[in-house]
Amino acid sequence: MGSTTDKIKGQANELAGKAKQGIGEATGSDKLQGEGVMQEAKGHGQQALGNAKDAVKDTADKAAAAAHKNL
């Protein structure tokens, strides 16, 4: 999965998690609130993975450019 896909899925999970938390709070469902917290956390993790992939790619691109420049 690419970094953009990870970020998009992460954002979707964050939003869905927040919605579940709100619905759980409104209906008094601790279970739904808990599921929402977990889904939101999963979204944060997915976004962090996407950001890490971007950082690795940027570093690799810079290293390749520097190596090419020194040839």
C-alpha atoms as a PDB file:
ATOM      1  CA  MET A   1       0.000   0.000   0.000  1.00  0.00           C
ATOM      2  CA  GLY A   2       1.320   3.451  -0.850  1.00  0.00           C
ATOM      3  CA  SER A   3       1.742   6.306   1.556  1.00  0.00           C
ATOM      4  CA  THR A   4      -1.198   8.237   0.122  1.00  0.00           C
ATOM      5  CA  THR A   5      -3.477   5.214   0.467  1.00  0.00           C
ATOM      6  CA  ASP A   6      -2.361   4.737   4.080  1.00  0.00           C
ATOM      7  CA  LYS A   7      -3.064   8.389   4.845  1.00  0.00           C
ATOM      8  CA  ILE A   8      -6.517   8.313   3.219  1.00  0.00           C
ATOM      9  CA  LYS A   9      -7.525   5.094   4.980  1.00  0.00           C
ATOM     10  CA  GLY A  10      -6.160   6.508   8.222  1.00  0.00           C
ATOM     11  CA  GLN A  11      -8.200   9.658   7.914  1.00  0.00           C
ATOM     12  CA  ALA A  12     -11.318   7.636   7.092  1.00  0.00           C
ATOM     13  CA  ASN A  13     -10.797   5.443  10.153  1.00  0.00           C
ATOM     14  CA  GLU A  14     -10.259   8.487  12.353  1.00  0.00           C
ATOM     15  CA  LEU A  15     -13.504  10.062  11.158  1.00  0.00           C
ATOM     16  CA  ALA A  16     -15.456   6.818  11.500  1.00  0.00           C
ATOM     17  CA  GLY A  17     -14.017   6.314  14.977  1.00  0.00           C
ATOM     18  CA  LYS A  18     -15.017   9.793  16.063  1.00  0.00           C
ATOM     19  CA  ALA A  19     -18.514   9.227  14.677  1.00  0.00           C
ATOM     20  CA  LYS A  20     -18.833   5.943  16.572  1.00  0.00           C
ATOM     21  CA  GLN A  21     -17.702   7.664  19.750  1.00  0.00           C
ATOM     22  CA  GLY A  22     -20.326  10.361  19.302  1.00  0.00           C
ATOM     23  CA  ILE A  23     -23.096   7.883  18.570  1.00  0.00           C
ATOM     24  CA  GLY A  24     -21.994   5.744  21.501  1.00  0.00           C
ATOM     25  CA  GLU A  25     -22.058   8.745  23.790  1.00  0.00           C
ATOM     26  CA  ALA A  26     -25.473   9.846  22.525  1.00  0.00           C
ATOM     27  CA  THR A  27     -26.956   6.378  22.965  1.00  0.00           C
ATOM     28  CA  GLY A  28     -25.130   5.518  26.165  1.00  0.00           C
ATOM     29  CA  SER A  29     -23.251   2.634  24.531  1.00  0.00           C
ATOM     30  CA  ASP A  30     -19.861   2.179  26.169  1.00  0.00           C
ATOM     31  CA  LYS A  31     -19.118  -0.610  23.694  1.00  0.00           C
ATOM     32  CA  LEU A  32     -19.635   1.664  20.682  1.00  0.00           C
ATOM     33  CA  GLN A  33     -17.584   4.413  22.303  1.00  0.00           C
ATOM     34  CA  GLY A  34     -14.756   1.934  22.898  1.00  0.00           C
ATOM     35  CA  GLU A  35     -14.907   0.708  19.307  1.00  0.00           C
ATOM     36  CA  GLY A  36     -14.718   4.315  18.174  1.00  0.00           C
ATOM     37  CA  VAL A  37     -11.641   4.993  20.274  1.00  0.00           C
ATOM     38  CA  MET A  38      -9.936   1.906  18.838  1.00  0.00           C
ATOM     39  CA  GLN A  39     -10.849   2.780  15.249  1.00  0.00           C
ATOM     40  CA  GLU A  40      -9.617   6.335  15.710  1.00  0.00           C
ATOM     41  CA  ALA A  41      -6.323   5.020  17.104  1.00  0.00           C
ATOM     42  CA  LYS A  42      -6.012   2.683  14.128  1.00  0.00           C
ATOM     43  CA  GLY A  43      -6.465   5.697  11.859  1.00  0.00           C
ATOM     44  CA  HIS A  44      -3.711   7.580  13.648  1.00  0.00           C
ATOM     45  CA  GLY A  45      -1.435   4.585  13.149  1.00  0.00           C
ATOM     46  CA  GLN A  46      -2.238   4.344   9.453  1.00  0.00           C
ATOM     47  CA  GLN A  47      -1.490   8.027   8.954  1.00  0.00           C
ATOM     48  CA  ALA A  48       1.784   7.683  10.845  1.00  0.00           C
ATOM     49  CA  LEU A  49       2.728   4.757   8.598  1.00  0.00           C
ATOM     50  CA  GLY A  50       1.978   6.852   5.516  1.00  0.00           C
ATOM     51  CA  ASN A  51       4.119   9.690   6.862  1.00  0.00           C
ATOM     52  CA  ALA A  52       6.964   7.265   7.625  1.00  0.00           C
ATOM     53  CA  LYS A  53       6.806   5.859   4.098  1.00  0.00           C
ATOM     54  CA  ASP A  54       7.032   9.397   2.716  1.00  0.00           C
ATOM     55  CA  ALA A  55      10.055  10.143   4.908  1.00  0.00           C
ATOM     56  CA  VAL A  56      11.848   6.966   3.812  1.00  0.00           C
ATOM     57  CA  LYS A  57      11.124   7.707   0.155  1.00  0.00           C
ATOM     58  CA  ASP A  58      12.355  11.293   0.487  1.00  0.00           C
ATOM     59  CA  THR A  59      15.559  10.127   2.169  1.00  0.00           C
ATOM     60  CA  ALA A  60      16.151   7.474  -0.493  1.00  0.00           C
ATOM     61  CA  ASP A  61      15.506  10.003  -3.270  1.00  0.00           C
ATOM     62  CA  LYS A  62      17.974  12.458  -1.731  1.00  0.00           C
ATOM     63  CA  ALA A  63      20.611   9.740  -1.315  1.00  0.00           C
ATOM     64  CA  ALA A  64      20.163   8.609  -4.921  1.00  0.00           C
ATOM     65  CA  ALA A  65      20.415  12.190  -6.180  1.00  0.00           C
ATOM     66  CA  ALA A  66      23.562  12.775  -4.154  1.00  0.00           C
ATOM     67  CA  ALA A  67      25.113   9.535  -5.399  1.00  0.00           C
ATOM     68  CA  HIS A  68      24.247  10.404  -8.991  1.00  0.00           C
ATOM     69  CA  LYS A  69      25.686  13.884  -8.572  1.00  0.00           C
ATOM     70  CA  ASN A  70      29.001  12.447  -7.349  1.00  0.00           C
ATOM     71  CA  LEU A  71      29.394  10.168 -10.369  1.00  0.00           C
END
